[in-house]
Amino acid sequence: MELPSKSLERAVQALSRLPGIGRRSALRLALHMLRQGNDRILDLSEALEELATNSQFCQKCHAISDQALCGICQDERRDLRSLCVVEDIRDVLALENTHAHRGRYHVLGGLISPMDGMGPGDLTVDDLVQRVSDEGIEEVILALSATMEGDTTAFYIYRKLGDLPIRLTAIARGLPVGDALEFADEVTLSRSFQQRVPFESTLNR
């Protein structure tokens, strides 16, 4: 369907590139914003421009930050001996809501998934190994989704860290198999974290 406005068409095309947004949904969103008035549209535009201009990845943990180091990495009250490995920033937020982890994080930036074109080289695993070697980490906690991709990534990290003198654990499977970490409720996620187990014990399940 050809739209009567080139500006509307461009907005629909841009919105339809977002995950889970098809062309019809994009058109509804664009028309909704038009009805809200210019101030709302400009406010959204400025927020997105600020996101593009000011946001960056933390140089240490790779979470999203407004500074070279994120607030968690700068917080001297955190347990420096414990490092929790997660897929992305959404999992950091989910775990922070539970208050179960008082150490620091390492964000992989995805999971190994050949179907999606994501290999080990696309993740920050090498940086993780370097951090564990340099920062005196005693425990690495694998808090990855209970999916095939999550298990594959966890096993790859296990092989990469196998020779280092650390305790490698994984959150307990209170999470349903196939579920992403970010969708777990706080109680389930907190209990899964508190009841974490040595990673080797998960290989025989």
N, C-alpha and C. Protein backbone atom coordinates (compact mmCIF):
# COMPACT_ATOMS: atom_id res chain seq x y z
N MET A 1 0.85 -1.19 0.00
CA MET A 1 0.00 0.00 0.00
C MET A 1 0.88 1.25 0.00
N GLU A 2 0.65 2.11 -0.99
CA GLU A 2 1.43 3.34 -1.09
C GLU A 2 0.81 4.41 -0.19
N LEU A 3 1.63 5.02 0.62
CA LEU A 3 1.15 6.04 1.56
C LEU A 3 1.12 7.40 0.88
N PRO A 4 0.21 8.28 1.33
CA PRO A 4 0.05 9.58 0.66
C PRO A 4 1.14 10.59 0.99
N SER A 5 2.00 10.28 1.95
CA SER A 5 3.04 11.22 2.38
C SER A 5 4.39 10.53 2.40
N LYS A 6 5.38 11.17 1.78
CA LYS A 6 6.73 10.60 1.78
C LYS A 6 7.32 10.61 3.19
N SER A 7 7.00 11.63 3.97
CA SER A 7 7.49 11.70 5.35
C SER A 7 6.90 10.57 6.19
N LEU A 8 5.61 10.30 5.98
CA LEU A 8 4.96 9.21 6.70
C LEU A 8 5.55 7.87 6.28
N GLU A 9 5.81 7.72 4.99
CA GLU A 9 6.40 6.49 4.47
C GLU A 9 7.78 6.24 5.10
N ARG A 10 8.57 7.29 5.19
CA ARG A 10 9.91 7.15 5.78
C ARG A 10 9.82 6.76 7.25
N ALA A 11 8.88 7.37 7.97
CA ALA A 11 8.70 7.05 9.39
C ALA A 11 8.26 5.60 9.56
N VAL A 12 7.36 5.14 8.70
CA VAL A 12 6.86 3.76 8.77
C VAL A 12 8.00 2.78 8.48
N GLN A 13 8.81 3.09 7.48
CA GLN A 13 9.94 2.22 7.16
C GLN A 13 10.92 2.12 8.32
N ALA A 14 11.19 3.26 8.96
CA ALA A 14 12.12 3.26 10.09
C ALA A 14 11.56 2.47 11.27
N LEU A 15 10.29 2.67 11.59
CA LEU A 15 9.67 1.98 12.71
C LEU A 15 9.55 0.48 12.46
N SER A 16 9.32 0.09 11.22
CA SER A 16 9.13 -1.33 10.91
C SER A 16 10.43 -2.12 11.01
N ARG A 17 11.56 -1.43 11.15
CA ARG A 17 12.83 -2.14 11.35
C ARG A 17 13.03 -2.56 12.80
N LEU A 18 12.18 -2.07 13.70
CA LEU A 18 12.28 -2.45 15.11
C LEU A 18 11.81 -3.88 15.31
N PRO A 19 12.37 -4.60 16.29
CA PRO A 19 11.97 -5.99 16.53
C PRO A 19 10.49 -6.11 16.85
N GLY A 20 9.82 -7.03 16.20
CA GLY A 20 8.42 -7.29 16.47
C GLY A 20 7.44 -6.28 15.90
N ILE A 21 7.95 -5.33 15.13
CA ILE A 21 7.08 -4.30 14.55
C ILE A 21 6.99 -4.52 13.04
N GLY A 22 5.80 -4.89 12.57
CA GLY A 22 5.56 -5.03 11.13
C GLY A 22 5.13 -3.69 10.55
N ARG A 23 4.85 -3.71 9.26
CA ARG A 23 4.49 -2.46 8.58
C ARG A 23 3.18 -1.88 9.12
N ARG A 24 2.20 -2.72 9.37
CA ARG A 24 0.91 -2.21 9.87
C ARG A 24 1.07 -1.61 11.26
N SER A 25 1.82 -2.30 12.13
CA SER A 25 2.05 -1.76 13.47
C SER A 25 2.83 -0.45 13.40
N ALA A 26 3.80 -0.39 12.47
CA ALA A 26 4.58 0.83 12.31
C ALA A 26 3.70 1.99 11.86
N LEU A 27 2.75 1.71 10.98
CA LEU A 27 1.84 2.76 10.52
C LEU A 27 0.96 3.25 11.66
N ARG A 28 0.47 2.32 12.49
CA ARG A 28 -0.35 2.72 13.64
C ARG A 28 0.45 3.60 14.59
N LEU A 29 1.72 3.23 14.84
CA LEU A 29 2.55 4.03 15.74
C LEU A 29 2.80 5.42 15.16
N ALA A 30 3.10 5.48 13.88
CA ALA A 30 3.37 6.77 13.24
C ALA A 30 2.14 7.68 13.30
N LEU A 31 0.96 7.12 13.01
CA LEU A 31 -0.27 7.92 13.06
C LEU A 31 -0.60 8.35 14.48
N HIS A 32 -0.32 7.46 15.45
CA HIS A 32 -0.54 7.81 16.86
C HIS A 32 0.33 9.00 17.25
N MET A 33 1.60 8.96 16.85
CA MET A 33 2.50 10.07 17.19
C MET A 33 2.06 11.37 16.53
N LEU A 34 1.57 11.27 15.31
CA LEU A 34 1.06 12.47 14.64
C LEU A 34 -0.10 13.09 15.41
N ARG A 35 -0.97 12.25 15.92
CA ARG A 35 -2.13 12.75 16.67
C ARG A 35 -1.72 13.37 18.00
N GLN A 36 -0.56 12.95 18.54
CA GLN A 36 -0.08 13.49 19.81
C GLN A 36 0.45 14.91 19.68
N GLY A 37 0.77 15.31 18.47
CA GLY A 37 1.24 16.67 18.24
C GLY A 37 2.76 16.75 18.09
N ASN A 38 3.22 17.88 17.58
CA ASN A 38 4.64 18.06 17.27
C ASN A 38 5.54 17.96 18.49
N ASP A 39 5.07 18.45 19.64
CA ASP A 39 5.91 18.44 20.84
C ASP A 39 6.31 17.02 21.23
N ARG A 40 5.35 16.10 21.16
CA ARG A 40 5.63 14.71 21.52
C ARG A 40 6.62 14.09 20.53
N ILE A 41 6.44 14.37 19.26
CA ILE A 41 7.33 13.82 18.23
C ILE A 41 8.74 14.37 18.40
N LEU A 42 8.85 15.66 18.64
CA LEU A 42 10.17 16.27 18.82
C LEU A 42 10.85 15.78 20.09
N ASP A 43 10.05 15.54 21.13
CA ASP A 43 10.61 15.01 22.38
C ASP A 43 11.19 13.62 22.15
N LEU A 44 10.47 12.78 21.40
CA LEU A 44 10.97 11.45 21.07
C LEU A 44 12.22 11.54 20.22
N SER A 45 12.20 12.44 19.25
CA SER A 45 13.36 12.62 18.38
C SER A 45 14.60 13.04 19.17
N GLU A 46 14.41 13.97 20.10
CA GLU A 46 15.53 14.43 20.91
C GLU A 46 16.06 13.33 21.83
N ALA A 47 15.15 12.51 22.37
CA ALA A 47 15.57 11.41 23.23
C ALA A 47 16.39 10.38 22.45
N LEU A 48 15.96 10.08 21.23
CA LEU A 48 16.70 9.12 20.40
C LEU A 48 18.05 9.69 19.97
N GLU A 49 18.07 11.00 19.69
CA GLU A 49 19.33 11.63 19.31
C GLU A 49 20.32 11.61 20.49
N GLU A 50 19.80 11.86 21.69
CA GLU A 50 20.65 11.82 22.88
C GLU A 50 21.17 10.41 23.12
N LEU A 51 20.30 9.41 22.89
CA LEU A 51 20.72 8.02 23.04
C LEU A 51 21.86 7.69 22.08
N ALA A 52 21.72 8.14 20.84
CA ALA A 52 22.75 7.86 19.83
C ALA A 52 24.05 8.61 20.12
N THR A 53 23.92 9.81 20.67
CA THR A 53 25.10 10.67 20.88
C THR A 53 25.84 10.37 22.17
N ASN A 54 25.10 10.14 23.25
CA ASN A 54 25.72 10.07 24.58
C ASN A 54 25.95 8.67 25.13
N SER A 55 25.16 7.70 24.68
CA SER A 55 25.31 6.36 25.25
C SER A 55 26.52 5.66 24.65
N GLN A 56 27.13 4.80 25.46
CA GLN A 56 28.29 4.04 25.03
C GLN A 56 28.35 2.76 25.83
N PHE A 57 29.27 1.89 25.48
CA PHE A 57 29.43 0.65 26.23
C PHE A 57 30.53 0.82 27.27
N CYS A 58 30.24 0.37 28.49
CA CYS A 58 31.22 0.44 29.57
C CYS A 58 32.50 -0.28 29.13
N GLN A 59 33.62 0.36 29.34
CA GLN A 59 34.89 -0.20 28.90
C GLN A 59 35.27 -1.47 29.65
N LYS A 60 34.65 -1.69 30.80
CA LYS A 60 35.00 -2.87 31.58
C LYS A 60 33.99 -4.00 31.42
N CYS A 61 32.71 -3.71 31.66
CA CYS A 61 31.71 -4.79 31.67
C CYS A 61 30.87 -4.86 30.40
N HIS A 62 30.93 -3.82 29.56
CA HIS A 62 30.21 -3.75 28.28
C HIS A 62 28.70 -3.51 28.43
N ALA A 63 28.27 -3.08 29.62
CA ALA A 63 26.89 -2.62 29.76
C ALA A 63 26.77 -1.23 29.14
N ILE A 64 25.55 -0.78 28.94
CA ILE A 64 25.33 0.55 28.38
C ILE A 64 25.52 1.60 29.47
N SER A 65 26.21 2.68 29.13
CA SER A 65 26.53 3.69 30.12
C SER A 65 26.63 5.06 29.46
N ASP A 66 26.55 6.11 30.26
CA ASP A 66 26.78 7.47 29.76
C ASP A 66 28.23 7.88 29.93
N GLN A 67 29.02 7.02 30.61
CA GLN A 67 30.42 7.33 30.88
C GLN A 67 31.29 6.16 30.46
N ALA A 68 32.61 6.34 30.54
CA ALA A 68 33.53 5.27 30.16
C ALA A 68 33.34 4.03 31.02
N LEU A 69 33.04 4.24 32.32
CA LEU A 69 32.73 3.14 33.22
C LEU A 69 31.32 3.33 33.77
N CYS A 70 30.54 2.27 33.80
CA CYS A 70 29.18 2.37 34.30
C CYS A 70 29.18 2.53 35.82
N GLY A 71 28.03 2.83 36.38
CA GLY A 71 27.90 3.07 37.81
C GLY A 71 28.26 1.85 38.64
N ILE A 72 27.92 0.65 38.17
CA ILE A 72 28.21 -0.56 38.92
C ILE A 72 29.72 -0.80 38.97
N CYS A 73 30.39 -0.63 37.85
CA CYS A 73 31.84 -0.84 37.83
C CYS A 73 32.58 0.21 38.67
N GLN A 74 31.98 1.39 38.82
CA GLN A 74 32.60 2.43 39.63
C GLN A 74 32.30 2.28 41.11
N ASP A 75 31.31 1.47 41.46
CA ASP A 75 30.85 1.35 42.84
C ASP A 75 31.85 0.51 43.65
N GLU A 76 32.57 1.14 44.55
CA GLU A 76 33.59 0.45 45.34
C GLU A 76 32.98 -0.45 46.41
N ARG A 77 31.68 -0.36 46.63
CA ARG A 77 31.03 -1.21 47.61
C ARG A 77 30.70 -2.60 47.06
N ARG A 78 30.82 -2.76 45.75
CA ARG A 78 30.51 -4.07 45.15
C ARG A 78 31.60 -5.08 45.50
N ASP A 79 31.23 -6.35 45.51
CA ASP A 79 32.16 -7.44 45.78
C ASP A 79 33.04 -7.64 44.54
N LEU A 80 34.32 -7.32 44.65
CA LEU A 80 35.23 -7.38 43.51
C LEU A 80 35.62 -8.81 43.15
N ARG A 81 35.31 -9.77 44.01
CA ARG A 81 35.71 -11.16 43.77
C ARG A 81 34.69 -11.94 42.97
N SER A 82 33.48 -11.38 42.80
CA SER A 82 32.39 -12.10 42.15
C SER A 82 31.98 -11.42 40.85
N LEU A 83 31.88 -12.20 39.78
CA LEU A 83 31.55 -11.66 38.47
C LEU A 83 30.40 -12.48 37.87
N CYS A 84 29.32 -11.80 37.55
CA CYS A 84 28.14 -12.46 36.99
C CYS A 84 28.08 -12.21 35.48
N VAL A 85 28.02 -13.29 34.70
CA VAL A 85 28.02 -13.20 33.24
C VAL A 85 26.59 -13.28 32.72
N VAL A 86 26.19 -12.26 31.94
CA VAL A 86 24.83 -12.20 31.41
C VAL A 86 24.87 -11.91 29.91
N GLU A 87 23.71 -12.08 29.28
CA GLU A 87 23.63 -11.87 27.84
C GLU A 87 23.66 -10.39 27.48
N ASP A 88 22.79 -9.59 28.10
CA ASP A 88 22.76 -8.16 27.77
C ASP A 88 22.27 -7.33 28.95
N ILE A 89 22.12 -6.04 28.73
CA ILE A 89 21.81 -5.09 29.79
C ILE A 89 20.47 -5.39 30.46
N ARG A 90 19.53 -5.99 29.72
CA ARG A 90 18.23 -6.31 30.31
C ARG A 90 18.37 -7.31 31.45
N ASP A 91 19.34 -8.22 31.33
CA ASP A 91 19.56 -9.20 32.39
C ASP A 91 20.22 -8.56 33.61
N VAL A 92 21.09 -7.59 33.38
CA VAL A 92 21.66 -6.84 34.50
C VAL A 92 20.54 -6.16 35.29
N LEU A 93 19.62 -5.52 34.59
CA LEU A 93 18.52 -4.83 35.26
C LEU A 93 17.64 -5.81 36.02
N ALA A 94 17.38 -6.98 35.42
CA ALA A 94 16.54 -7.98 36.08
C ALA A 94 17.20 -8.47 37.37
N LEU A 95 18.49 -8.75 37.33
CA LEU A 95 19.19 -9.23 38.52
C LEU A 95 19.34 -8.14 39.57
N GLU A 96 19.57 -6.92 39.15
CA GLU A 96 19.67 -5.82 40.11
C GLU A 96 18.37 -5.62 40.87
N ASN A 97 17.26 -5.89 40.23
CA ASN A 97 15.95 -5.76 40.90
C ASN A 97 15.78 -6.77 42.02
N THR A 98 16.49 -7.91 41.92
CA THR A 98 16.37 -8.95 42.96
C THR A 98 17.27 -8.67 44.16
N HIS A 99 18.30 -7.83 43.99
CA HIS A 99 19.30 -7.55 45.03
C HIS A 99 20.03 -8.83 45.47
N ALA A 100 20.06 -9.85 44.60
CA ALA A 100 20.68 -11.12 44.94
C ALA A 100 22.18 -11.11 44.68
N HIS A 101 22.64 -10.26 43.79
CA HIS A 101 24.05 -10.23 43.42
C HIS A 101 24.66 -8.89 43.82
N ARG A 102 25.73 -8.95 44.61
CA ARG A 102 26.39 -7.72 45.04
C ARG A 102 27.78 -7.58 44.43
N GLY A 103 28.09 -8.44 43.48
CA GLY A 103 29.35 -8.32 42.77
C GLY A 103 29.18 -7.47 41.52
N ARG A 104 30.01 -7.74 40.52
CA ARG A 104 29.95 -6.98 39.27
C ARG A 104 29.47 -7.89 38.15
N TYR A 105 29.34 -7.32 36.97
CA TYR A 105 28.77 -8.03 35.84
C TYR A 105 29.73 -8.03 34.66
N HIS A 106 29.46 -8.97 33.75
CA HIS A 106 30.11 -8.94 32.44
C HIS A 106 29.03 -9.25 31.40
N VAL A 107 28.83 -8.32 30.47
CA VAL A 107 27.78 -8.45 29.46
C VAL A 107 28.38 -9.00 28.18
N LEU A 108 27.87 -10.13 27.72
CA LEU A 108 28.41 -10.80 26.54
C LEU A 108 28.02 -10.12 25.24
N GLY A 109 26.87 -9.46 25.23
CA GLY A 109 26.40 -8.83 23.99
C GLY A 109 25.67 -9.79 23.08
N GLY A 110 25.19 -10.91 23.63
CA GLY A 110 24.46 -11.89 22.84
C GLY A 110 24.79 -13.30 23.29
N LEU A 111 24.30 -14.27 22.55
CA LEU A 111 24.57 -15.68 22.80
C LEU A 111 25.02 -16.33 21.51
N ILE A 112 25.79 -17.40 21.62
CA ILE A 112 26.21 -18.13 20.42
C ILE A 112 24.99 -18.72 19.73
N SER A 113 24.77 -18.32 18.48
CA SER A 113 23.60 -18.77 17.74
C SER A 113 23.90 -18.73 16.25
N PRO A 114 24.39 -19.85 15.69
CA PRO A 114 24.70 -19.88 14.25
C PRO A 114 23.51 -19.48 13.37
N MET A 115 22.30 -19.81 13.82
CA MET A 115 21.11 -19.45 13.03
C MET A 115 20.96 -17.95 12.89
N ASP A 116 21.42 -17.22 13.91
CA ASP A 116 21.34 -15.75 13.89
C ASP A 116 22.65 -15.10 13.47
N GLY A 117 23.60 -15.92 13.06
CA GLY A 117 24.89 -15.38 12.62
C GLY A 117 25.77 -14.91 13.76
N MET A 118 25.52 -15.42 14.99
CA MET A 118 26.31 -15.02 16.16
C MET A 118 27.26 -16.14 16.54
N GLY A 119 28.56 -15.86 16.41
CA GLY A 119 29.57 -16.83 16.82
C GLY A 119 30.32 -16.34 18.03
N PRO A 120 31.24 -17.16 18.57
CA PRO A 120 32.01 -16.76 19.75
C PRO A 120 32.75 -15.44 19.56
N GLY A 121 33.22 -15.18 18.34
CA GLY A 121 33.97 -13.95 18.08
C GLY A 121 33.12 -12.70 18.14
N ASP A 122 31.79 -12.87 18.10
CA ASP A 122 30.89 -11.71 18.18
C ASP A 122 30.58 -11.33 19.62
N LEU A 123 30.99 -12.15 20.57
CA LEU A 123 30.72 -11.90 21.98
C LEU A 123 31.99 -11.39 22.67
N THR A 124 31.84 -10.96 23.91
CA THR A 124 32.97 -10.38 24.65
C THR A 124 33.63 -11.42 25.55
N VAL A 125 33.70 -12.65 25.08
CA VAL A 125 34.26 -13.74 25.89
C VAL A 125 35.76 -13.52 26.14
N ASP A 126 36.50 -13.09 25.14
CA ASP A 126 37.94 -12.86 25.33
C ASP A 126 38.18 -11.80 26.40
N ASP A 127 37.36 -10.75 26.41
CA ASP A 127 37.47 -9.73 27.45
C ASP A 127 37.15 -10.32 28.82
N LEU A 128 36.19 -11.24 28.86
CA LEU A 128 35.84 -11.91 30.12
C LEU A 128 37.03 -12.68 30.66
N VAL A 129 37.67 -13.46 29.81
CA VAL A 129 38.84 -14.24 30.24
C VAL A 129 39.93 -13.32 30.75
N GLN A 130 40.13 -12.19 30.07
CA GLN A 130 41.16 -11.25 30.50
C GLN A 130 40.81 -10.64 31.85
N ARG A 131 39.54 -10.32 32.06
CA ARG A 131 39.12 -9.74 33.34
C ARG A 131 39.34 -10.72 34.48
N VAL A 132 38.97 -11.97 34.25
CA VAL A 132 39.13 -12.98 35.29
C VAL A 132 40.60 -13.13 35.65
N SER A 133 41.47 -13.05 34.66
CA SER A 133 42.90 -13.19 34.90
C SER A 133 43.48 -11.98 35.63
N ASP A 134 42.99 -10.79 35.28
CA ASP A 134 43.60 -9.55 35.78
C ASP A 134 43.01 -9.05 37.09
N GLU A 135 41.75 -9.35 37.37
CA GLU A 135 41.05 -8.70 38.47
C GLU A 135 40.93 -9.54 39.73
N GLY A 136 41.55 -10.69 39.77
CA GLY A 136 41.49 -11.51 40.98
C GLY A 136 40.10 -12.06 41.25
N ILE A 137 39.37 -12.38 40.22
CA ILE A 137 38.03 -12.93 40.37
C ILE A 137 38.10 -14.33 40.97
N GLU A 138 37.26 -14.59 41.98
CA GLU A 138 37.23 -15.90 42.63
C GLU A 138 36.05 -16.74 42.16
N GLU A 139 34.93 -16.09 41.81
CA GLU A 139 33.76 -16.83 41.33
C GLU A 139 33.19 -16.15 40.09
N VAL A 140 32.94 -16.95 39.06
CA VAL A 140 32.23 -16.50 37.87
C VAL A 140 30.88 -17.21 37.85
N ILE A 141 29.81 -16.41 37.84
CA ILE A 141 28.45 -16.95 37.87
C ILE A 141 27.85 -16.82 36.48
N LEU A 142 27.47 -17.93 35.88
CA LEU A 142 26.85 -17.91 34.57
C LEU A 142 25.33 -17.77 34.74
N ALA A 143 24.82 -16.60 34.41
CA ALA A 143 23.38 -16.31 34.53
C ALA A 143 22.83 -16.12 33.13
N LEU A 144 22.75 -17.22 32.39
CA LEU A 144 22.29 -17.17 31.01
C LEU A 144 20.94 -17.86 30.88
N SER A 145 20.22 -17.53 29.83
CA SER A 145 18.88 -18.06 29.63
C SER A 145 18.89 -19.57 29.47
N ALA A 146 17.81 -20.20 29.89
CA ALA A 146 17.69 -21.66 29.84
C ALA A 146 17.26 -22.10 28.44
N THR A 147 18.09 -21.80 27.46
CA THR A 147 17.82 -22.14 26.07
C THR A 147 19.01 -22.88 25.50
N MET A 148 18.85 -23.44 24.30
CA MET A 148 19.97 -24.13 23.65
C MET A 148 21.13 -23.17 23.44
N GLU A 149 20.81 -21.92 23.04
CA GLU A 149 21.86 -20.93 22.82
C GLU A 149 22.56 -20.58 24.12
N GLY A 150 21.79 -20.45 25.20
CA GLY A 150 22.37 -20.16 26.50
C GLY A 150 23.29 -21.27 26.98
N ASP A 151 22.85 -22.53 26.80
CA ASP A 151 23.66 -23.68 27.21
C ASP A 151 24.93 -23.79 26.38
N THR A 152 24.81 -23.54 25.08
CA THR A 152 25.98 -23.60 24.20
C THR A 152 27.01 -22.55 24.61
N THR A 153 26.53 -21.35 24.89
CA THR A 153 27.42 -20.26 25.30
C THR A 153 28.07 -20.56 26.64
N ALA A 154 27.29 -21.09 27.58
CA ALA A 154 27.83 -21.43 28.90
C ALA A 154 28.94 -22.48 28.77
N PHE A 155 28.73 -23.48 27.94
CA PHE A 155 29.74 -24.52 27.77
C PHE A 155 31.00 -23.96 27.12
N TYR A 156 30.83 -23.05 26.18
CA TYR A 156 31.99 -22.42 25.54
C TYR A 156 32.81 -21.63 26.57
N ILE A 157 32.13 -20.88 27.43
CA ILE A 157 32.82 -20.12 28.47
C ILE A 157 33.51 -21.06 29.45
N TYR A 158 32.84 -22.16 29.78
CA TYR A 158 33.44 -23.17 30.66
C TYR A 158 34.75 -23.69 30.10
N ARG A 159 34.79 -23.94 28.80
CA ARG A 159 36.02 -24.41 28.17
C ARG A 159 37.10 -23.32 28.17
N LYS A 160 36.71 -22.08 27.98
CA LYS A 160 37.68 -20.98 27.94
C LYS A 160 38.27 -20.68 29.32
N LEU A 161 37.47 -20.90 30.37
CA LEU A 161 37.92 -20.57 31.73
C LEU A 161 38.44 -21.79 32.49
N GLY A 162 38.44 -22.94 31.82
CA GLY A 162 38.71 -24.20 32.49
C GLY A 162 40.04 -24.27 33.22
N ASP A 163 41.06 -23.59 32.74
CA ASP A 163 42.39 -23.68 33.34
C ASP A 163 42.64 -22.64 34.43
N LEU A 164 41.68 -21.76 34.67
CA LEU A 164 41.89 -20.70 35.66
C LEU A 164 41.40 -21.15 37.04
N PRO A 165 42.08 -20.73 38.10
CA PRO A 165 41.73 -21.16 39.46
C PRO A 165 40.55 -20.39 40.03
N ILE A 166 39.38 -20.65 39.50
CA ILE A 166 38.18 -19.95 39.95
C ILE A 166 37.07 -20.96 40.23
N ARG A 167 36.04 -20.47 40.89
CA ARG A 167 34.83 -21.26 41.09
C ARG A 167 33.83 -20.83 40.01
N LEU A 168 33.45 -21.77 39.17
CA LEU A 168 32.51 -21.47 38.08
C LEU A 168 31.16 -22.07 38.43
N THR A 169 30.15 -21.20 38.57
CA THR A 169 28.82 -21.67 38.95
C THR A 169 27.79 -21.20 37.92
N ALA A 170 26.61 -21.81 38.02
CA ALA A 170 25.50 -21.43 37.15
C ALA A 170 24.25 -21.30 38.00
N ILE A 171 23.38 -20.39 37.64
CA ILE A 171 22.14 -20.22 38.40
C ILE A 171 21.32 -21.50 38.29
N ALA A 172 20.59 -21.82 39.35
CA ALA A 172 19.78 -23.03 39.39
C ALA A 172 18.65 -22.94 38.38
N ARG A 173 18.19 -24.09 37.93
CA ARG A 173 17.16 -24.12 36.91
C ARG A 173 15.76 -24.03 37.52
N GLY A 174 15.57 -22.97 38.30
CA GLY A 174 14.22 -22.64 38.71
C GLY A 174 13.49 -21.99 37.54
N LEU A 175 14.28 -21.59 36.54
CA LEU A 175 13.71 -20.99 35.34
C LEU A 175 13.25 -22.09 34.40
N PRO A 176 12.05 -21.98 33.82
CA PRO A 176 11.59 -22.98 32.86
C PRO A 176 12.54 -23.05 31.67
N VAL A 177 12.79 -24.27 31.19
CA VAL A 177 13.64 -24.45 30.02
C VAL A 177 13.04 -23.72 28.84
N GLY A 178 13.87 -22.96 28.15
CA GLY A 178 13.41 -22.19 27.00
C GLY A 178 13.08 -20.75 27.32
N ASP A 179 13.11 -20.39 28.61
CA ASP A 179 12.76 -19.03 29.01
C ASP A 179 13.99 -18.12 29.02
N ALA A 180 13.78 -16.87 28.63
CA ALA A 180 14.83 -15.86 28.71
C ALA A 180 14.88 -15.31 30.13
N LEU A 181 16.07 -14.96 30.57
CA LEU A 181 16.28 -14.48 31.93
C LEU A 181 15.45 -13.24 32.24
N GLU A 182 15.34 -12.33 31.27
CA GLU A 182 14.69 -11.05 31.52
C GLU A 182 13.20 -11.18 31.84
N PHE A 183 12.58 -12.32 31.48
CA PHE A 183 11.14 -12.48 31.68
C PHE A 183 10.81 -13.19 32.99
N ALA A 184 11.82 -13.62 33.74
CA ALA A 184 11.57 -14.31 35.01
C ALA A 184 11.11 -13.32 36.07
N ASP A 185 10.20 -13.78 36.95
CA ASP A 185 9.78 -12.89 38.04
C ASP A 185 10.91 -12.80 39.06
N GLU A 186 10.87 -11.77 39.88
CA GLU A 186 11.98 -11.47 40.79
C GLU A 186 12.22 -12.57 41.81
N VAL A 187 11.15 -13.18 42.31
CA VAL A 187 11.32 -14.23 43.33
C VAL A 187 12.00 -15.45 42.73
N THR A 188 11.52 -15.90 41.56
CA THR A 188 12.13 -17.06 40.90
C THR A 188 13.58 -16.79 40.55
N LEU A 189 13.85 -15.59 40.03
CA LEU A 189 15.21 -15.26 39.64
C LEU A 189 16.14 -15.17 40.84
N SER A 190 15.64 -14.58 41.92
CA SER A 190 16.45 -14.47 43.13
C SER A 190 16.79 -15.84 43.69
N ARG A 191 15.80 -16.74 43.74
CA ARG A 191 16.05 -18.09 44.27
C ARG A 191 16.99 -18.87 43.35
N SER A 192 16.84 -18.70 42.05
CA SER A 192 17.75 -19.37 41.11
C SER A 192 19.17 -18.90 41.33
N PHE A 193 19.34 -17.63 41.62
CA PHE A 193 20.67 -17.07 41.84
C PHE A 193 21.25 -17.57 43.15
N GLN A 194 20.45 -17.54 44.20
CA GLN A 194 20.93 -17.94 45.52
C GLN A 194 21.25 -19.43 45.58
N GLN A 195 20.56 -20.24 44.79
CA GLN A 195 20.76 -21.69 44.80
C GLN A 195 21.63 -22.15 43.63
N ARG A 196 22.52 -21.28 43.19
CA ARG A 196 23.38 -21.63 42.06
C ARG A 196 24.24 -22.84 42.40
N VAL A 197 24.67 -23.54 41.36
CA VAL A 197 25.39 -24.81 41.53
C VAL A 197 26.68 -24.77 40.72
N PRO A 198 27.66 -25.63 41.06
CA PRO A 198 28.86 -25.72 40.23
C PRO A 198 28.47 -26.03 38.79
N PHE A 199 29.10 -25.34 37.85
CA PHE A 199 28.70 -25.50 36.45
C PHE A 199 28.90 -26.94 35.98
N GLU A 200 29.95 -27.62 36.45
CA GLU A 200 30.21 -28.98 36.00
C GLU A 200 29.01 -29.90 36.25
N SER A 201 28.28 -29.64 37.34
CA SER A 201 27.15 -30.50 37.68
C SER A 201 25.99 -30.35 36.69
N THR A 202 25.98 -29.27 35.92
CA THR A 202 24.90 -29.06 34.95
C THR A 202 25.17 -29.81 33.65
N LEU A 203 26.40 -30.27 33.45
CA LEU A 203 26.75 -30.91 32.18
C LEU A 203 26.16 -32.31 32.05
N ASN A 204 25.78 -32.92 33.17
CA ASN A 204 25.26 -34.28 33.13
C ASN A 204 23.75 -34.34 33.16
N ARG A 205 23.10 -33.17 33.05
CA ARG A 205 21.64 -33.16 33.13
C ARG A 205 21.02 -33.66 31.83
